[in-house]
Amino acid sequence: MRDKWAIREEVWTALESARVVRGRSVHDKIPHFIGCEDAALHVAELPEWQSARAVKSNPDQAQRPLRQLALEQGKLLYMAVPRLKDERVFIELDPARPEVEPRKASTISGAFRVGRPVYVGEMQPVDLVVSGSVAVNRRGVRIGKGGGFADLEYGLAAAAGILTPQTPVISTVHPMQVLDEELPWTQHDVPLDIVVTADEIIRCDRCAGEIPRPAGIYWEDLDERKIRSIPLLVKLREEGRST
C-alpha cells in the first residue's frame, strides 16, 4: 500500500496536469476543483442534507458552494477556523441574522466578518459534517492535505458530544480524486459516509465497520510541535483534559 504523501503528490500533479482545478497550484491544499458547484447541487438532493439543521464544514474553497447553500437554506453553519489558530475553533454563522448574507458569509473573510467565534462547548448539535479531501476511495477512506486539522476538528466535536459516530460525513471531490485502491488510515482518521462528484453520488460502506470513528483527540498521535501550534490543544493539555 502506498503512503499518504505519495498519494497526495500524485493526485495534486494529476489534477493540475488535467487542468481541472482553479488556481496556479493545488499542492498542499484541498483542491479547488472545477465542478464543485455541481457536486454541491447533488449533495442538496441527499436526504441527509435536507434533514440537517446544523452543518459543520471545512473552510476550503472547494466546499464554499456547500457553505453558501447551507446558509441559503436556513441551516446553522459552523465553519472551522483555518489551522485552528484560535481557542474558539469554529465560526458560527446563523442565517437568521440579517448581516449573514450567504454568498459573502460563505467565504473565509466574510465568515470572520459577520460570524461569531465559538468554543466547542457553545456549539449546537451538528447533524452533518462536510469535509474537504485530496483523495478518497469508495470504501470511505479519506486522505486530507496532511495537516490533520479535519480530524482534530472532528475529534474535538466528538469529545464534546456535538456529533456522534452516526453523524453523516460527506466530501465533495473531482472524479479524479476517487481512487480505485486501498488507502492507508490511522485511528484518528475520519471515514466518509458519502462521496459526491459532479457526476456521481457514492455511498460508502464505512469500511464495513473496520474503521471506527474517532471518539476524541488521540494525544499519542500528536507531536509537541503540532500541539503547540493549536491554542486549544495547549489549553486542554494544561487543564489535564485528555479528550
Protein backbone atom coordinates (compact mmCIF):
# COMPACT_ATOMS: atom_id res chain seq x y z
CA MET A 1 0.00 0.00 0.00
CA ARG A 2 1.35 3.44 -0.93
CA ASP A 3 1.91 6.03 1.76
CA LYS A 4 -0.26 9.12 2.10
CA TRP A 5 2.28 11.62 0.80
CA ALA A 6 2.91 9.64 -2.37
CA ILE A 7 -0.84 9.55 -3.00
CA ARG A 8 -1.26 13.26 -2.34
CA GLU A 9 1.56 14.21 -4.67
CA GLU A 10 0.22 12.00 -7.44
CA VAL A 11 -3.31 13.39 -7.15
CA TRP A 12 -2.21 17.03 -6.96
CA THR A 13 0.02 16.62 -10.01
CA ALA A 14 -2.65 14.76 -12.00
CA LEU A 15 -5.30 17.38 -11.27
CA GLU A 16 -3.02 20.23 -12.30
CA SER A 17 -1.90 18.42 -15.46
CA ALA A 18 -5.51 17.80 -16.44
CA ARG A 19 -6.37 21.45 -15.72
CA VAL A 20 -9.43 20.53 -13.69
CA VAL A 21 -8.60 22.77 -10.73
CA ARG A 22 -8.68 26.51 -10.11
CA GLY A 23 -5.57 28.42 -9.09
CA ARG A 24 -1.94 28.15 -10.10
CA SER A 25 -1.20 25.25 -7.76
CA VAL A 26 -3.19 22.92 -5.54
CA HIS A 27 -0.18 21.27 -3.92
CA ASP A 28 -0.52 21.29 -0.12
CA LYS A 29 -4.18 22.30 -0.47
CA ILE A 30 -7.65 20.84 -0.62
CA PRO A 31 -8.09 21.08 -4.42
CA HIS A 32 -10.50 23.76 -5.64
CA PHE A 33 -11.78 21.53 -8.39
CA ILE A 34 -13.84 22.50 -11.42
CA GLY A 35 -17.33 21.13 -10.91
CA CYS A 36 -17.54 21.77 -7.16
CA GLU A 37 -20.73 23.79 -7.70
CA ASP A 38 -22.41 20.88 -9.49
CA ALA A 39 -21.27 18.48 -6.78
CA ALA A 40 -22.85 20.77 -4.17
CA LEU A 41 -26.17 20.63 -6.01
CA HIS A 42 -26.05 16.83 -5.88
CA VAL A 43 -25.40 16.99 -2.12
CA ALA A 44 -28.55 19.12 -1.82
CA GLU A 45 -30.54 16.17 -3.18
CA LEU A 46 -29.47 13.88 -0.34
CA PRO A 47 -31.96 13.19 2.47
CA GLU A 48 -29.11 13.55 4.97
CA TRP A 49 -28.56 17.11 3.77
CA GLN A 50 -32.23 18.00 3.57
CA SER A 51 -32.91 16.90 7.14
CA ALA A 52 -29.82 18.59 8.63
CA ARG A 53 -30.45 21.71 10.67
CA ALA A 54 -26.82 22.36 11.67
CA VAL A 55 -23.80 21.67 9.46
CA LYS A 56 -20.08 21.66 10.28
CA SER A 57 -17.82 22.44 7.32
CA ASN A 58 -14.18 22.88 6.45
CA PRO A 59 -13.17 26.39 5.28
CA ASP A 60 -11.69 25.44 1.88
CA GLN A 61 -12.75 26.93 -1.47
CA ALA A 62 -13.94 23.62 -2.92
CA GLN A 63 -16.66 23.40 -0.28
CA ARG A 64 -17.67 27.05 -0.38
CA PRO A 65 -20.72 26.24 -2.62
CA LEU A 66 -21.98 23.90 0.11
CA ARG A 67 -21.47 26.51 2.82
CA GLN A 68 -23.39 29.04 0.74
CA LEU A 69 -26.13 26.53 0.06
CA ALA A 70 -26.45 25.69 3.75
CA LEU A 71 -26.96 29.36 4.62
CA GLU A 72 -29.38 29.91 1.74
CA GLN A 73 -31.47 27.01 3.02
CA GLY A 74 -31.57 28.34 6.57
CA LYS A 75 -29.14 25.90 8.14
CA LEU A 76 -26.94 26.88 11.06
CA LEU A 77 -23.35 26.65 9.82
CA TYR A 78 -20.16 26.08 11.76
CA MET A 79 -17.02 26.78 9.75
CA ALA A 80 -13.71 25.63 11.18
CA VAL A 81 -11.13 28.34 11.83
CA PRO A 82 -8.29 27.74 9.34
CA ARG A 83 -5.49 25.76 11.01
CA LEU A 84 -7.40 26.02 14.32
CA LYS A 85 -5.47 29.18 15.21
CA ASP A 86 -7.92 30.33 17.92
CA GLU A 87 -9.18 28.64 21.08
CA ARG A 88 -12.63 29.31 19.64
CA VAL A 89 -12.05 26.88 16.77
CA PHE A 90 -15.35 27.41 14.94
CA ILE A 91 -17.17 30.38 13.42
CA GLU A 92 -20.94 30.19 13.91
CA LEU A 93 -22.96 31.56 11.01
CA ASP A 94 -26.65 31.95 11.76
CA PRO A 95 -28.67 32.72 8.60
CA ALA A 96 -31.41 34.24 10.75
CA ARG A 97 -29.11 37.20 11.37
CA PRO A 98 -29.57 39.84 8.62
CA GLU A 99 -25.86 40.54 8.29
CA VAL A 100 -25.17 36.89 7.36
CA GLU A 101 -25.55 37.17 3.58
CA PRO A 102 -24.92 33.64 2.23
CA ARG A 103 -22.70 34.47 -0.74
CA LYS A 104 -20.32 36.65 1.26
CA ALA A 105 -20.55 34.80 4.56
CA SER A 106 -19.55 31.51 2.90
CA THR A 107 -16.04 32.89 2.25
CA ILE A 108 -13.36 32.80 4.93
CA SER A 109 -13.09 36.60 5.12
CA GLY A 110 -16.85 37.02 5.11
CA ALA A 111 -17.34 34.41 7.81
CA PHE A 112 -14.86 36.14 10.10
CA ARG A 113 -16.51 39.50 9.43
CA VAL A 114 -20.10 38.54 10.27
CA GLY A 115 -19.81 35.22 12.12
CA ARG A 116 -19.47 34.56 15.83
CA PRO A 117 -16.35 32.73 17.04
CA VAL A 118 -17.43 29.98 19.43
CA TYR A 119 -15.87 27.47 21.76
CA VAL A 120 -16.70 23.86 21.03
CA GLY A 121 -18.88 23.71 24.14
CA GLU A 122 -21.04 26.57 22.82
CA MET A 123 -22.00 24.75 19.62
CA GLN A 124 -25.40 23.29 18.86
CA PRO A 125 -25.51 19.57 17.97
CA VAL A 126 -24.30 19.02 14.40
CA ASP A 127 -26.43 16.93 12.02
CA LEU A 128 -23.96 16.64 9.14
CA VAL A 129 -20.21 17.13 8.56
CA VAL A 130 -18.70 18.43 5.31
CA SER A 131 -15.04 17.61 4.84
CA GLY A 132 -12.58 18.50 2.09
CA SER A 133 -10.35 15.77 0.65
CA VAL A 134 -7.30 15.26 -1.53
CA ALA A 135 -8.07 11.60 -2.25
CA VAL A 136 -10.83 9.15 -1.33
CA ASN A 137 -11.90 5.65 -2.21
CA ARG A 138 -15.30 4.02 -2.48
CA ARG A 139 -14.98 2.38 0.91
CA GLY A 140 -14.92 5.80 2.55
CA VAL A 141 -11.25 6.16 3.39
CA ARG A 142 -10.22 9.81 3.09
CA ILE A 143 -6.81 11.44 2.72
CA GLY A 144 -6.60 15.15 3.51
CA LYS A 145 -3.86 17.65 2.75
CA GLY A 146 -1.64 16.42 5.57
CA GLY A 147 -2.18 18.88 8.41
CA GLY A 148 -4.59 16.68 10.34
CA PHE A 149 -6.91 19.60 11.06
CA ALA A 150 -10.14 17.99 9.81
CA ASP A 151 -9.55 15.00 12.08
CA LEU A 152 -8.78 17.28 15.04
CA GLU A 153 -11.96 19.31 14.41
CA TYR A 154 -13.95 16.10 14.39
CA GLY A 155 -12.23 14.76 17.49
CA LEU A 156 -12.88 17.95 19.46
CA ALA A 157 -16.55 17.98 18.45
CA ALA A 158 -16.94 14.27 19.18
CA ALA A 159 -15.38 14.61 22.63
CA ALA A 160 -17.80 17.45 23.41
CA GLY A 161 -20.81 15.43 22.26
CA ILE A 162 -21.54 17.86 19.41
CA LEU A 163 -21.66 14.96 16.97
CA THR A 164 -21.90 11.18 17.22
CA PRO A 165 -20.47 8.22 15.26
CA GLN A 166 -23.78 8.19 13.35
CA THR A 167 -23.47 11.81 12.18
CA PRO A 168 -23.04 11.62 8.36
CA VAL A 169 -19.71 12.80 6.94
CA ILE A 170 -19.70 13.95 3.31
CA SER A 171 -16.93 15.04 0.95
CA THR A 172 -17.18 16.65 -2.48
CA VAL A 173 -14.33 15.88 -4.90
CA HIS A 174 -13.42 15.74 -8.57
CA PRO A 175 -13.81 12.26 -10.14
CA MET A 176 -10.01 12.07 -10.49
CA GLN A 177 -9.75 12.22 -6.70
CA VAL A 178 -11.70 8.96 -6.32
CA LEU A 179 -9.06 6.23 -6.36
CA ASP A 180 -9.69 2.56 -7.02
CA GLU A 181 -7.24 1.25 -4.44
CA GLU A 182 -6.78 0.62 -0.75
CA LEU A 183 -5.78 3.78 1.11
CA PRO A 184 -3.85 3.97 4.39
CA TRP A 185 -5.58 5.11 7.57
CA THR A 186 -4.89 5.58 11.28
CA GLN A 187 -7.07 5.64 14.39
CA HIS A 188 -7.64 9.39 14.20
CA ASP A 189 -8.78 9.38 10.54
CA VAL A 190 -12.48 10.06 9.95
CA PRO A 191 -14.10 7.74 7.39
CA LEU A 192 -16.68 9.12 4.96
CA ASP A 193 -20.28 8.07 4.53
CA ILE A 194 -20.86 9.73 1.16
CA VAL A 195 -18.55 10.98 -1.60
CA VAL A 196 -20.08 13.30 -4.19
CA THR A 197 -18.67 14.39 -7.54
CA ALA A 198 -20.27 16.40 -10.34
CA ASP A 199 -21.18 13.05 -11.94
CA GLU A 200 -21.85 10.62 -9.14
CA ILE A 201 -23.08 10.05 -5.59
CA ILE A 202 -21.08 7.30 -3.89
CA ARG A 203 -22.50 5.78 -0.73
CA CYS A 204 -19.59 4.25 1.16
CA ASP A 205 -19.86 1.25 3.44
CA ARG A 206 -17.67 2.97 6.05
CA CYS A 207 -15.26 0.11 5.52
CA ALA A 208 -17.88 -2.39 6.72
CA GLY A 209 -17.23 -1.25 10.30
CA GLU A 210 -13.49 -1.89 10.10
CA ILE A 211 -12.59 1.76 10.76
CA PRO A 212 -14.32 3.24 13.82
CA ARG A 213 -14.97 6.94 14.07
CA PRO A 214 -12.62 8.83 16.40
CA ALA A 215 -14.12 9.38 19.84
CA GLY A 216 -11.88 12.31 20.74
CA ILE A 217 -8.30 13.53 20.49
CA TYR A 218 -5.60 10.87 20.33
CA TRP A 219 -2.78 12.65 22.11
CA GLU A 220 -0.31 9.88 21.39
CA ASP A 221 -0.60 10.70 17.67
CA LEU A 222 0.33 14.36 18.18
CA ASP A 223 3.88 15.64 18.42
CA GLU A 224 4.88 18.63 20.53
CA ARG A 225 5.10 20.96 17.53
CA LYS A 226 1.52 20.19 16.47
CA ILE A 227 0.15 20.66 19.98
CA ARG A 228 1.91 23.99 20.47
CA SER A 229 0.62 25.27 17.11
CA ILE A 230 -3.01 24.88 18.19
CA PRO A 231 -4.00 27.07 21.18
CA LEU A 232 -6.97 24.92 22.19
CA LEU A 233 -4.81 21.79 22.44
CA VAL A 234 -2.33 23.69 24.62
CA LYS A 235 -5.19 24.77 26.86
CA LEU A 236 -6.68 21.29 27.10
CA ARG A 237 -3.33 19.77 27.98
CA GLU A 238 -2.71 22.40 30.65
CA GLU A 239 -6.12 21.68 32.13
CA GLY A 240 -5.32 17.98 32.11
CA ARG A 241 -8.34 17.21 29.93
CA SER A 242 -7.35 14.21 27.86
CA THR A 243 -10.22 14.43 25.39
